[in-house]
PDB file of N, CA and C in Angstrom:
ATOM      1  N   MET A   1     109.080  44.952-106.687  1.00  0.00           N
ATOM      2  CA  MET A   1     108.600  46.300-106.440  1.00  0.00           C
ATOM      3  C   MET A   1     108.885  46.759-105.027  1.00  0.00           C
ATOM      4  N   THR A   2     108.743  45.841-104.083  1.00  0.00           N
ATOM      5  CA  THR A   2     109.040  46.152-102.696  1.00  0.00           C
ATOM      6  C   THR A   2     110.487  46.527-102.517  1.00  0.00           C
ATOM      7  N   ASP A   3     111.364  45.821-103.253  1.00  0.00           N
ATOM      8  CA  ASP A   3     112.801  46.138-103.163  1.00  0.00           C
ATOM      9  C   ASP A   3     113.080  47.566-103.592  1.00  0.00           C
ATOM     10  N   TYR A   4     112.407  48.000-104.670  1.00  0.00           N
ATOM     11  CA  TYR A   4     112.632  49.382-105.135  1.00  0.00           C
ATOM     12  C   TYR A   4     112.151  50.411-104.121  1.00  0.00           C
ATOM     13  N   LEU A   5     111.023  50.122-103.499  1.00  0.00           N
ATOM     14  CA  LEU A   5     110.501  51.068-102.489  1.00  0.00           C
ATOM     15  C   LEU A   5     111.411  51.143-101.269  1.00  0.00           C
ATOM     16  N   SER A   6     111.935  49.997-100.830  1.00  0.00           N
ATOM     17  CA  SER A   6     112.866  49.990 -99.692  1.00  0.00           C
ATOM     18  C   SER A   6     114.170  50.696-100.062  1.00  0.00           C
ATOM     19  N   LEU A   7     114.673  50.481-101.280  1.00  0.00           N
ATOM     20  CA  LEU A   7     115.869  51.172-101.728  1.00  0.00           C
ATOM     21  C   LEU A   7     115.644  52.680-101.769  1.00  0.00           C
ATOM     22  N   PHE A   8     114.489  53.081-102.270  1.00  0.00           N
ATOM     23  CA  PHE A   8     114.165  54.506-102.337  1.00  0.00           C
ATOM     24  C   PHE A   8     114.070  55.094-100.946  1.00  0.00           C
ATOM     25  N   LYS A   9     113.436  54.403-100.036  1.00  0.00           N
ATOM     26  CA  LYS A   9     113.328  54.889 -98.652  1.00  0.00           C
ATOM     27  C   LYS A   9     114.711  55.027 -98.013  1.00  0.00           C
ATOM     28  N   GLU A  10     115.571  54.034 -98.204  1.00  0.00           N
ATOM     29  CA  GLU A  10     116.917  54.112 -97.649  1.00  0.00           C
ATOM     30  C   GLU A  10     117.720  55.263 -98.248  1.00  0.00           C
ATOM     31  N   TRP A  11     117.514  55.500 -99.546  1.00  0.00           N
ATOM     32  CA  TRP A  11     118.228  56.593-100.209  1.00  0.00           C
ATOM     33  C   TRP A  11     117.776  57.926 -99.660  1.00  0.00           C
ATOM     34  N   VAL A  12     116.456  58.108 -99.457  1.00  0.00           N
ATOM     35  CA  VAL A  12     115.918  59.366 -98.961  1.00  0.00           C
ATOM     36  C   VAL A  12     116.408  59.596 -97.516  1.00  0.00           C
ATOM     37  N   VAL A  13     116.386  58.536 -96.693  1.00  0.00           N
ATOM     38  CA  VAL A  13     116.833  58.696 -95.307  1.00  0.00           C
ATOM     39  C   VAL A  13     118.322  59.049 -95.243  1.00  0.00           C
ATOM     40  N   THR A  14     119.140  58.347 -96.089  1.00  0.00           N
ATOM     41  CA  THR A  14     120.577  58.638 -96.139  1.00  0.00           C
ATOM     42  C   THR A  14     120.840  60.042 -96.618  1.00  0.00           C
ATOM     43  N   LEU A  15     120.097  60.480 -97.602  1.00  0.00           N
ATOM     44  CA  LEU A  15     120.231  61.852 -98.126  1.00  0.00           C
ATOM     45  C   LEU A  15     119.872  62.868 -97.053  1.00  0.00           C
ATOM     46  N   GLY A  16     118.813  62.585 -96.300  1.00  0.00           N
ATOM     47  CA  GLY A  16     118.406  63.460 -95.180  1.00  0.00           C
ATOM     48  C   GLY A  16     119.470  63.531 -94.114  1.00  0.00           C
ATOM     49  N   GLU A  17     120.077  62.422 -93.757  1.00  0.00           N
ATOM     50  CA  GLU A  17     121.117  62.406 -92.748  1.00  0.00           C
ATOM     51  C   GLU A  17     122.372  63.159 -93.237  1.00  0.00           C
ATOM     52  N   LYS A  18     122.660  62.987 -94.502  1.00  0.00           N
ATOM     53  CA  LYS A  18     123.855  63.631 -95.073  1.00  0.00           C
ATOM     54  C   LYS A  18     123.703  65.174 -95.042  1.00  0.00           C
ATOM     55  N   HIS A  19     122.507  65.661 -95.242  1.00  0.00           N
ATOM     56  CA  HIS A  19     122.307  67.115 -95.327  1.00  0.00           C
ATOM     57  C   HIS A  19     121.638  67.703 -94.093  1.00  0.00           C
ATOM     58  N   GLY A  20     121.381  66.882 -93.061  1.00  0.00           N
ATOM     59  CA  GLY A  20     120.855  67.401 -91.812  1.00  0.00           C
ATOM     60  C   GLY A  20     119.396  67.796 -91.866  1.00  0.00           C
ATOM     61  N   VAL A  21     118.631  67.182 -92.786  1.00  0.00           N
ATOM     62  CA  VAL A  21     117.249  67.502 -92.947  1.00  0.00           C
ATOM     63  C   VAL A  21     116.405  66.235 -92.713  1.00  0.00           C
ATOM     64  N   ASN A  22     115.342  66.348 -91.943  1.00  0.00           N
ATOM     65  CA  ASN A  22     114.459  65.244 -91.740  1.00  0.00           C
ATOM     66  C   ASN A  22     113.490  65.128 -92.921  1.00  0.00           C
ATOM     67  N   PRO A  23     113.597  64.061 -93.718  1.00  0.00           N
ATOM     68  CA  PRO A  23     112.765  63.966 -94.929  1.00  0.00           C
ATOM     69  C   PRO A  23     111.270  63.930 -94.628  1.00  0.00           C
ATOM     70  N   MET A  24     110.862  63.262 -93.549  1.00  0.00           N
ATOM     71  CA  MET A  24     109.450  63.224 -93.186  1.00  0.00           C
ATOM     72  C   MET A  24     108.922  64.616 -92.812  1.00  0.00           C
ATOM     73  N   LEU A  25     109.711  65.361 -92.060  1.00  0.00           N
ATOM     74  CA  LEU A  25     109.315  66.690 -91.669  1.00  0.00           C
ATOM     75  C   LEU A  25     109.249  67.610 -92.884  1.00  0.00           C
ATOM     76  N   LEU A  26     110.232  67.510 -93.792  1.00  0.00           N
ATOM     77  CA  LEU A  26     110.204  68.290 -95.005  1.00  0.00           C
ATOM     78  C   LEU A  26     108.994  67.956 -95.880  1.00  0.00           C
ATOM     79  N   GLY A  27     108.659  66.697 -96.026  1.00  0.00           N
ATOM     80  CA  GLY A  27     107.495  66.291 -96.790  1.00  0.00           C
ATOM     81  C   GLY A  27     106.190  66.773 -96.160  1.00  0.00           C
ATOM     82  N   CYS A  28     106.103  66.679 -94.852  1.00  0.00           N
ATOM     83  CA  CYS A  28     104.893  67.171 -94.180  1.00  0.00           C
ATOM     84  C   CYS A  28     104.777  68.678 -94.275  1.00  0.00           C
ATOM     85  N   LEU A  29     105.882  69.370 -94.111  1.00  0.00           N
ATOM     86  CA  LEU A  29     105.898  70.830 -94.276  1.00  0.00           C
ATOM     87  C   LEU A  29     105.462  71.227 -95.689  1.00  0.00           C
ATOM     88  N   TYR A  30     105.978  70.463 -96.647  1.00  0.00           N
ATOM     89  CA  TYR A  30     105.626  70.770 -98.064  1.00  0.00           C
ATOM     90  C   TYR A  30     104.161  70.554 -98.343  1.00  0.00           C
ATOM     91  N   LEU A  31     103.616  69.397 -97.977  1.00  0.00           N
ATOM     92  CA  LEU A  31     102.212  69.144 -98.255  1.00  0.00           C
ATOM     93  C   LEU A  31     101.285  70.070 -97.452  1.00  0.00           C
ATOM     94  N   GLY A  32     101.600  70.280 -96.185  1.00  0.00           N
ATOM     95  CA  GLY A  32     100.781  71.136 -95.338  1.00  0.00           C
ATOM     96  C   GLY A  32     100.804  72.585 -95.786  1.00  0.00           C
ATOM     97  N   SER A  33     101.991  73.039 -96.198  1.00  0.00           N
ATOM     98  CA  SER A  33     102.086  74.428 -96.637  1.00  0.00           C
ATOM     99  C   SER A  33     101.344  74.643 -97.943  1.00  0.00           C
ATOM    100  N   LYS A  34     101.312  73.654 -98.809  1.00  0.00           N
ATOM    101  CA  LYS A  34     100.585  73.868-100.061  1.00  0.00           C
ATOM    102  C   LYS A  34      99.062  73.945 -99.828  1.00  0.00           C
ATOM    103  N   VAL A  35      98.544  73.138 -98.908  1.00  0.00           N
ATOM    104  CA  VAL A  35      97.124  73.210 -98.565  1.00  0.00           C
ATOM    105  C   VAL A  35      96.782  74.612 -98.022  1.00  0.00           C
ATOM    106  N   CYS A  36      97.583  75.063 -97.091  1.00  0.00           N
ATOM    107  CA  CYS A  36      97.361  76.411 -96.496  1.00  0.00           C
ATOM    108  C   CYS A  36      97.582  77.492 -97.560  1.00  0.00           C
ATOM    109  N   PHE A  37      98.550  77.332 -98.457  1.00  0.00           N
ATOM    110  CA  PHE A  37      98.798  78.316 -99.488  1.00  0.00           C
ATOM    111  C   PHE A  37      97.608  78.462-100.407  1.00  0.00           C
ATOM    112  N   PHE A  38      97.062  77.342-100.903  1.00  0.00           N
ATOM    113  CA  PHE A  38      95.921  77.445-101.808  1.00  0.00           C
ATOM    114  C   PHE A  38      94.651  77.948-101.117  1.00  0.00           C
ATOM    115  N   SER A  39      94.497  77.597 -99.851  1.00  0.00           N
ATOM    116  CA  SER A  39      93.351  78.123 -99.112  1.00  0.00           C
ATOM    117  C   SER A  39      93.467  79.652 -98.940  1.00  0.00           C
ATOM    118  N   THR A  40      94.654  80.118 -98.617  1.00  0.00           N
ATOM    119  CA  THR A  40      94.852  81.555 -98.489  1.00  0.00           C
ATOM    120  C   THR A  40      94.739  82.247 -99.837  1.00  0.00           C
ATOM    121  N   LEU A  41      95.189  81.633-100.865  1.00  0.00           N
ATOM    122  CA  LEU A  41      95.053  82.203-102.219  1.00  0.00           C
ATOM    123  C   LEU A  41      93.576  82.335-102.597  1.00  0.00           C
ATOM    124  N   GLY A  42      92.764  81.375-102.212  1.00  0.00           N
ATOM    125  CA  GLY A  42      91.306  81.478-102.419  1.00  0.00           C
ATOM    126  C   GLY A  42      90.730  82.669-101.657  1.00  0.00           C
ATOM    127  N   TYR A  43      91.230  82.893-100.458  1.00  0.00           N
ATOM    128  CA  TYR A  43      90.769  84.066 -99.656  1.00  0.00           C
ATOM    129  C   TYR A  43      91.206  85.337-100.349  1.00  0.00           C
ATOM    130  N   VAL A  44      92.383  85.400-100.955  1.00  0.00           N
ATOM    131  CA  VAL A  44      92.855  86.558-101.690  1.00  0.00           C
ATOM    132  C   VAL A  44      91.940  86.842-102.859  1.00  0.00           C
ATOM    133  N   ILE A  45      91.566  85.802-103.591  1.00  0.00           N
ATOM    134  CA  ILE A  45      90.698  86.002-104.759  1.00  0.00           C
ATOM    135  C   ILE A  45      89.299  86.510-104.303  1.00  0.00           C
ATOM    136  N   LYS A  46      88.851  85.954-103.161  1.00  0.00           N
ATOM    137  CA  LYS A  46      87.582  86.436-102.610  1.00  0.00           C
ATOM    138  C   LYS A  46      87.643  87.900-102.257  1.00  0.00           C
ATOM    139  N   ASN A  47      88.762  88.370-101.647  1.00  0.00           N
ATOM    140  CA  ASN A  47      88.942  89.751-101.307  1.00  0.00           C
ATOM    141  C   ASN A  47      89.082  90.630-102.570  1.00  0.00           C
ATOM    142  N   LEU A  48      89.723  90.105-103.586  1.00  0.00           N
ATOM    143  CA  LEU A  48      89.827  90.865-104.821  1.00  0.00           C
ATOM    144  C   LEU A  48      88.449  91.123-105.436  1.00  0.00           C
ATOM    145  N   ARG A  49      87.641  90.111-105.478  1.00  0.00           N
ATOM    146  CA  ARG A  49      86.302  90.268-106.028  1.00  0.00           C
ATOM    147  C   ARG A  49      85.444  91.223-105.228  1.00  0.00           C
ATOM    148  N   ALA A  50      85.645  91.257-103.911  1.00  0.00           N
ATOM    149  CA  ALA A  50      84.900  92.131-103.030  1.00  0.00           C
ATOM    150  C   ALA A  50      85.550  93.531-102.938  1.00  0.00           C
ATOM    151  N   LYS A  51      86.622  93.757-103.671  1.00  0.00           N
ATOM    152  CA  LYS A  51      87.352  95.026-103.685  1.00  0.00           C
ATOM    153  C   LYS A  51      87.877  95.389-102.288  1.00  0.00           C
ATOM    154  N   LYS A  52      88.366  94.327-101.560  1.00  0.00           N
ATOM    155  CA  LYS A  52      88.962  94.553-100.237  1.00  0.00           C
ATOM    156  C   LYS A  52      90.469  94.488-100.357  1.00  0.00           C
ATOM    157  N   PRO A  53      91.206  94.946 -99.355  1.00  0.00           N
ATOM    158  CA  PRO A  53      92.684  94.880 -99.434  1.00  0.00           C
ATOM    159  C   PRO A  53      93.215  93.432 -99.507  1.00  0.00           C
ATOM    160  N   VAL A  54      94.251  93.229-100.266  1.00  0.00           N
ATOM    161  CA  VAL A  54      94.759  91.865-100.441  1.00  0.00           C
ATOM    162  C   VAL A  54      96.234  91.735-100.031  1.00  0.00           C
ATOM    163  N   ILE A  55      96.856  92.763 -99.586  1.00  0.00           N
ATOM    164  CA  ILE A  55      98.293  92.723 -99.296  1.00  0.00           C
ATOM    165  C   ILE A  55      98.593  91.755 -98.156  1.00  0.00           C
ATOM    166  N   PHE A  56      97.873  91.877 -97.046  1.00  0.00           N
ATOM    167  CA  PHE A  56      98.133  91.010 -95.909  1.00  0.00           C
ATOM    168  C   PHE A  56      97.860  89.543 -96.221  1.00  0.00           C
ATOM    169  N   PRO A  57      96.764  89.184 -96.859  1.00  0.00           N
ATOM    170  CA  PRO A  57      96.567  87.773 -97.239  1.00  0.00           C
ATOM    171  C   PRO A  57      97.609  87.274 -98.220  1.00  0.00           C
ATOM    172  N   LEU A  58      98.100  88.141 -99.119  1.00  0.00           N
ATOM    173  CA  LEU A  58      99.147  87.749-100.037  1.00  0.00           C
ATOM    174  C   LEU A  58     100.454  87.448 -99.288  1.00  0.00           C
ATOM    175  N   LEU A  59     100.768  88.251 -98.294  1.00  0.00           N
ATOM    176  CA  LEU A  59     101.954  88.004 -97.476  1.00  0.00           C
ATOM    177  C   LEU A  59     101.836  86.663 -96.725  1.00  0.00           C
ATOM    178  N   ILE A  60     100.669  86.390 -96.216  1.00  0.00           N
ATOM    179  CA  ILE A  60     100.444  85.093 -95.513  1.00  0.00           C
ATOM    180  C   ILE A  60     100.582  83.962 -96.543  1.00  0.00           C
ATOM    181  N   ALA A  61     100.030  84.120 -97.726  1.00  0.00           N
ATOM    182  CA  ALA A  61     100.120  83.062 -98.766  1.00  0.00           C
ATOM    183  C   ALA A  61     101.580  82.843 -99.133  1.00  0.00           C
ATOM    184  N   PHE A  62     102.351  83.932 -99.302  1.00  0.00           N
ATOM    185  CA  PHE A  62     103.779  83.749 -99.608  1.00  0.00           C
ATOM    186  C   PHE A  62     104.529  83.073 -98.463  1.00  0.00           C
ATOM    187  N   THR A  63     104.148  83.382 -97.238  1.00  0.00           N
ATOM    188  CA  THR A  63     104.791  82.696 -96.103  1.00  0.00           C
ATOM    189  C   THR A  63     104.513  81.196 -96.122  1.00  0.00           C
ATOM    190  N   PHE A  64     103.258  80.840 -96.359  1.00  0.00           N
ATOM    191  CA  PHE A  64     102.926  79.427 -96.435  1.00  0.00           C
ATOM    192  C   PHE A  64     103.649  78.754 -97.583  1.00  0.00           C
ATOM    193  N   PHE A  65     103.787  79.440 -98.715  1.00  0.00           N
ATOM    194  CA  PHE A  65     104.495  78.916 -99.879  1.00  0.00           C
ATOM    195  C   PHE A  65     105.968  78.635 -99.564  1.00  0.00           C
ATOM    196  N   SER A  66     106.558  79.480 -98.759  1.00  0.00           N
ATOM    197  CA  SER A  66     107.999  79.374 -98.557  1.00  0.00           C
ATOM    198  C   SER A  66     108.445  78.570 -97.345  1.00  0.00           C
ATOM    199  N   ILE A  67     107.523  78.076 -96.513  1.00  0.00           N
ATOM    200  CA  ILE A  67     107.887  77.374 -95.293  1.00  0.00           C
ATOM    201  C   ILE A  67     108.836  76.192 -95.548  1.00  0.00           C
ATOM    202  N   PRO A  68     108.557  75.239 -96.448  1.00  0.00           N
ATOM    203  CA  PRO A  68     109.461  74.127 -96.597  1.00  0.00           C
ATOM    204  C   PRO A  68     110.866  74.531 -97.120  1.00  0.00           C
ATOM    205  N   TYR A  69     110.890  75.587 -97.949  1.00  0.00           N
ATOM    206  CA  TYR A  69     112.167  76.005 -98.481  1.00  0.00           C
ATOM    207  C   TYR A  69     112.994  76.727 -97.446  1.00  0.00           C
ATOM    208  N   ILE A  70     112.345  77.443 -96.594  1.00  0.00           N
ATOM    209  CA  ILE A  70     113.036  78.108 -95.495  1.00  0.00           C
ATOM    210  C   ILE A  70     113.621  77.077 -94.553  1.00  0.00           C
ATOM    211  N   TYR A  71     112.828  75.991 -94.278  1.00  0.00           N
ATOM    212  CA  TYR A  71     113.345  74.918 -93.444  1.00  0.00           C
ATOM    213  C   TYR A  71     114.609  74.308 -94.054  1.00  0.00           C
ATOM    214  N   LEU A  72     114.565  74.057 -95.372  1.00  0.00           N
ATOM    215  CA  LEU A  72     115.723  73.515 -96.043  1.00  0.00           C
ATOM    216  C   LEU A  72     116.941  74.441 -95.953  1.00  0.00           C
ATOM    217  N   ILE A  73     116.694  75.742 -96.119  1.00  0.00           N
ATOM    218  CA  ILE A  73     117.801  76.697 -96.057  1.00  0.00           C
ATOM    219  C   ILE A  73     118.396  76.771 -94.654  1.00  0.00           C
ATOM    220  N   ILE A  74     117.524  76.756 -93.613  1.00  0.00           N
ATOM    221  CA  ILE A  74     118.016  76.893 -92.247  1.00  0.00           C
ATOM    222  C   ILE A  74     118.610  75.597 -91.717  1.00  0.00           C
ATOM    223  N   ALA A  75     117.924  74.458 -91.889  1.00  0.00           N
ATOM    224  CA  ALA A  75     118.383  73.210 -91.284  1.00  0.00           C
ATOM    225  C   ALA A  75     119.410  72.472 -92.147  1.00  0.00           C
ATOM    226  N   GLY A  76     119.376  72.703 -93.440  1.00  0.00           N
ATOM    227  CA  GLY A  76     120.270  71.930 -94.342  1.00  0.00           C
ATOM    228  C   GLY A  76     121.721  72.348 -94.222  1.00  0.00           C
ATOM    229  N   ARG A  77     122.607  71.398 -94.387  1.00  0.00           N
ATOM    230  CA  ARG A  77     124.040  71.667 -94.443  1.00  0.00           C
ATOM    231  C   ARG A  77     124.643  70.847 -95.557  1.00  0.00           C
ATOM    232  N   ASN A  78     125.722  71.354 -96.093  1.00  0.00           N
ATOM    233  CA  ASN A  78     126.421  70.699 -97.220  1.00  0.00           C
ATOM    234  C   ASN A  78     125.490  70.574 -98.449  1.00  0.00           C
ATOM    235  N   ILE A  79     124.682  71.568 -98.638  1.00  0.00           N
ATOM    236  CA  ILE A  79     123.752  71.546 -99.779  1.00  0.00           C
ATOM    237  C   ILE A  79     124.418  72.266-100.935  1.00  0.00           C
ATOM    238  N   SER A  80     124.282  71.700-102.118  1.00  0.00           N
ATOM    239  CA  SER A  80     124.881  72.269-103.322  1.00  0.00           C
ATOM    240  C   SER A  80     124.322  73.667-103.621  1.00  0.00           C
ATOM    241  N   VAL A  81     125.099  74.450-104.312  1.00  0.00           N
ATOM    242  CA  VAL A  81     124.692  75.805-104.698  1.00  0.00           C
ATOM    243  C   VAL A  81     123.494  75.748-105.640  1.00  0.00           C
ATOM    244  N   TRP A  82     123.430  74.732-106.502  1.00  0.00           N
ATOM    245  CA  TRP A  82     122.335  74.675-107.473  1.00  0.00           C
ATOM    246  C   TRP A  82     120.982  74.531-106.760  1.00  0.00           C
ATOM    247  N   VAL A  83     120.948  73.961-105.554  1.00  0.00           N
ATOM    248  CA  VAL A  83     119.714  73.840-104.816  1.00  0.00           C
ATOM    249  C   VAL A  83     119.232  75.205-104.392  1.00  0.00           C
ATOM    250  N   TYR A  84     120.129  76.045-103.920  1.00  0.00           N
ATOM    251  CA  TYR A  84     119.781  77.437-103.541  1.00  0.00           C
ATOM    252  C   TYR A  84     119.315  78.223-104.775  1.00  0.00           C
ATOM    253  N   VAL A  85     119.943  78.010-105.910  1.00  0.00           N
ATOM    254  CA  VAL A  85     119.543  78.676-107.146  1.00  0.00           C
ATOM    255  C   VAL A  85     118.128  78.210-107.535  1.00  0.00           C
ATOM    256  N   PHE A  86     117.899  76.893-107.406  1.00  0.00           N
ATOM    257  CA  PHE A  86     116.578  76.355-107.721  1.00  0.00           C
ATOM    258  C   PHE A  86     115.507  76.946-106.813  1.00  0.00           C
ATOM    259  N   ILE A  87     115.820  77.064-105.528  1.00  0.00           N
ATOM    260  CA  ILE A  87     114.840  77.646-104.582  1.00  0.00           C
ATOM    261  C   ILE A  87     114.572  79.092-104.964  1.00  0.00           C
ATOM    262  N   ALA A  88     115.585  79.854-105.355  1.00  0.00           N
ATOM    263  CA  ALA A  88     115.356  81.210-105.773  1.00  0.00           C
ATOM    264  C   ALA A  88     114.452  81.268-106.999  1.00  0.00           C
ATOM    265  N   PHE A  89     114.688  80.393-107.964  1.00  0.00           N
ATOM    266  CA  PHE A  89     113.826  80.335-109.141  1.00  0.00           C
ATOM    267  C   PHE A  89     112.387  79.942-108.789  1.00  0.00           C
ATOM    268  N   VAL A  90     112.250  79.032-107.836  1.00  0.00           N
ATOM    269  CA  VAL A  90     110.894  78.639-107.427  1.00  0.00           C
ATOM    270  C   VAL A  90     110.152  79.835-106.805  1.00  0.00           C
ATOM    271  N   PHE A  91     110.874  80.601-105.936  1.00  0.00           N
ATOM    272  CA  PHE A  91     110.270  81.806-105.368  1.00  0.00           C
ATOM    273  C   PHE A  91     109.879  82.806-106.454  1.00  0.00           C
ATOM    274  N   LEU A  92     110.803  83.078-107.352  1.00  0.00           N
ATOM    275  CA  LEU A  92     110.525  84.052-108.422  1.00  0.00           C
ATOM    276  C   LEU A  92     109.391  83.620-109.318  1.00  0.00           C
ATOM    277  N   TYR A  93     109.369  82.344-109.671  1.00  0.00           N
ATOM    278  CA  TYR A  93     108.289  81.832-110.530  1.00  0.00           C
ATOM    279  C   TYR A  93     106.950  81.891-109.759  1.00  0.00           C
ATOM    280  N   GLY A  94     106.967  81.550-108.481  1.00  0.00           N
ATOM    281  CA  GLY A  94     105.766  81.601-107.687  1.00  0.00           C
ATOM    282  C   GLY A  94     105.194  83.018-107.593  1.00  0.00           C
ATOM    283  N   ILE A  95     106.040  83.965-107.356  1.00  0.00           N
ATOM    284  CA  ILE A  95     105.640  85.378-107.299  1.00  0.00           C
ATOM    285  C   ILE A  95     105.089  85.812-108.649  1.00  0.00           C
ATOM    286  N   PHE A  96     105.780  85.464-109.707  1.00  0.00           N
ATOM    287  CA  PHE A  96     105.337  85.863-111.053  1.00  0.00           C
ATOM    288  C   PHE A  96     103.997  85.236-111.423  1.00  0.00           C
ATOM    289  N   SER A  97     103.831  83.950-111.173  1.00  0.00           N
ATOM    290  CA  SER A  97     102.599  83.274-111.570  1.00  0.00           C
ATOM    291  C   SER A  97     101.395  83.757-110.744  1.00  0.00           C
ATOM    292  N   ILE A  98     101.597  84.030-109.464  1.00  0.00           N
ATOM    293  CA  ILE A  98     100.512  84.565-108.646  1.00  0.00           C
ATOM    294  C   ILE A  98     100.133  85.945-109.139  1.00  0.00           C
ATOM    295  N   TRP A  99     101.142  86.772-109.461  1.00  0.00           N
ATOM    296  CA  TRP A  99     100.851  88.108-109.937  1.00  0.00           C
ATOM    297  C   TRP A  99     100.077  88.063-111.262  1.00  0.00           C
ATOM    298  N   LYS A 100     100.481  87.151-112.152  1.00  0.00           N
ATOM    299  CA  LYS A 100      99.787  87.029-113.442  1.00  0.00           C
ATOM    300  C   LYS A 100      98.366  86.555-113.261  1.00  0.00           C
ATOM    301  N   LYS A 101      98.119  85.610-112.337  1.00  0.00           N
ATOM    302  CA  LYS A 101      96.752  85.112-112.128  1.00  0.00           C
ATOM    303  C   LYS A 101      95.874  86.166-111.499  1.00  0.00           C
ATOM    304  N   LEU A 102      96.438  86.954-110.599  1.00  0.00           N
ATOM    305  CA  LEU A 102      95.611  87.953-109.914  1.00  0.00           C
ATOM    306  C   LEU A 102      95.350  89.159-110.758  1.00  0.00           C
ATOM    307  N   THR A 103      96.212  89.459-111.703  1.00  0.00           N
ATOM    308  CA  THR A 103      96.004  90.634-112.545  1.00  0.00           C
ATOM    309  C   THR A 103      95.375  90.335-113.884  1.00  0.00           C
ATOM    310  N   ALA A 104      95.096  89.061-114.183  1.00  0.00           N
ATOM    311  CA  ALA A 104      94.497  88.705-115.426  1.00  0.00           C
ATOM    312  C   ALA A 104      93.048  89.168-115.491  1.00  0.00           C
ATOM    313  N   LYS A 105      92.659  89.642-116.625  1.00  0.00           N
ATOM    314  CA  LYS A 105      91.291  90.088-116.858  1.00  0.00           C
ATOM    315  C   LYS A 105      90.481  88.848-117.239  1.00  0.00           C
ATOM    316  N   PRO A 106      89.272  88.679-116.687  1.00  0.00           N
ATOM    317  CA  PRO A 106      88.444  87.526-117.110  1.00  0.00           C
ATOM    318  C   PRO A 106      87.992  87.755-118.537  1.00  0.00           C
ATOM    319  N   ILE A 107      87.961  86.654-119.303  1.00  0.00           N
ATOM    320  CA  ILE A 107      87.554  86.672-120.703  1.00  0.00           C
ATOM    321  C   ILE A 107      86.031  86.418-120.717  1.00  0.00           C
ATOM    322  N   LEU A 108      85.293  87.377-121.263  1.00  0.00           N
ATOM    323  CA  LEU A 108      83.869  87.222-121.332  1.00  0.00           C
ATOM    324  C   LEU A 108      83.474  86.588-122.657  1.00  0.00           C
ATOM    325  N   PRO A 109      82.455  85.733-122.655  1.00  0.00           N
ATOM    326  CA  PRO A 109      81.968  85.180-123.895  1.00  0.00           C
ATOM    327  C   PRO A 109      81.442  86.310-124.814  1.00  0.00           C
ATOM    328  N   GLN A 110      81.361  86.046-126.095  1.00  0.00           N
ATOM    329  CA  GLN A 110      81.071  87.046-127.090  1.00  0.00           C
ATOM    330  C   GLN A 110      79.829  87.866-126.798  1.00  0.00           C
ATOM    331  N   GLY A 111      78.749  87.248-126.388  1.00  0.00           N
ATOM    332  CA  GLY A 111      77.487  87.948-126.166  1.00  0.00           C
ATOM    333  C   GLY A 111      77.345  88.584-124.806  1.00  0.00           C
ATOM    334  N   ASP A 112      78.279  88.370-123.895  1.00  0.00           N
ATOM    335  CA  ASP A 112      78.159  88.839-122.529  1.00  0.00           C
ATOM    336  C   ASP A 112      79.025  90.021-122.239  1.00  0.00           C
ATOM    337  N   LEU A 113      78.812  91.117-122.972  1.00  0.00           N
ATOM    338  CA  LEU A 113      79.573  92.306-122.694  1.00  0.00           C
ATOM    339  C   LEU A 113      78.970  93.035-121.489  1.00  0.00           C
ATOM    340  N   PRO A 114      79.774  93.744-120.708  1.00  0.00           N
ATOM    341  CA  PRO A 114      79.252  94.354-119.479  1.00  0.00           C
ATOM    342  C   PRO A 114      78.076  95.295-119.709  1.00  0.00           C
ATOM    343  N   GLY A 115      77.970  95.964-120.835  1.00  0.00           N
ATOM    344  CA  GLY A 115      76.920  96.941-121.038  1.00  0.00           C
ATOM    345  C   GLY A 115      75.667  96.354-121.699  1.00  0.00           C
ATOM    346  N   ASP A 116      75.693  95.028-121.988  1.00  0.00           N
ATOM    347  CA  ASP A 116      74.544  94.406-122.665  1.00  0.00           C
ATOM    348  C   ASP A 116      73.336  94.304-121.715  1.00  0.00           C
ATOM    349  N   VAL A 117      72.196  94.607-122.221  1.00  0.00           N
ATOM    350  CA  VAL A 117      70.962  94.503-121.450  1.00  0.00           C
ATOM    351  C   VAL A 117      70.059  93.566-122.240  1.00  0.00           C
ATOM    352  N   LEU A 118      69.476  92.622-121.500  1.00  0.00           N
ATOM    353  CA  LEU A 118      68.595  91.641-122.156  1.00  0.00           C
ATOM    354  C   LEU A 118      67.164  92.048-122.083  1.00  0.00           C
TER     355      LEU A 118
END
């Protein structure tokens, strides 16, 4: 098992050197940006419920979401075209899924209609 882990580590480091990207930095940017992204998305949902503006927090959330990919685009070299296409699809899917989650109407249980009085 240790041999497989060392082979994987060597492969990732070699891949990073080949494309001019630091794998540790990319991994840290990815994990850190996702924590910040979900925290900001929670703030967006809080603002939505309070009927406050959400454009600025959404822009910040999108920025956090895109940090590792922007690093890959800027620092990477000799990267295949399919990687850029994949990044574009990730951006589009992220935008679409956030839009769907934020615009979805909550489903109320059968007896809990807004006009019901107990």
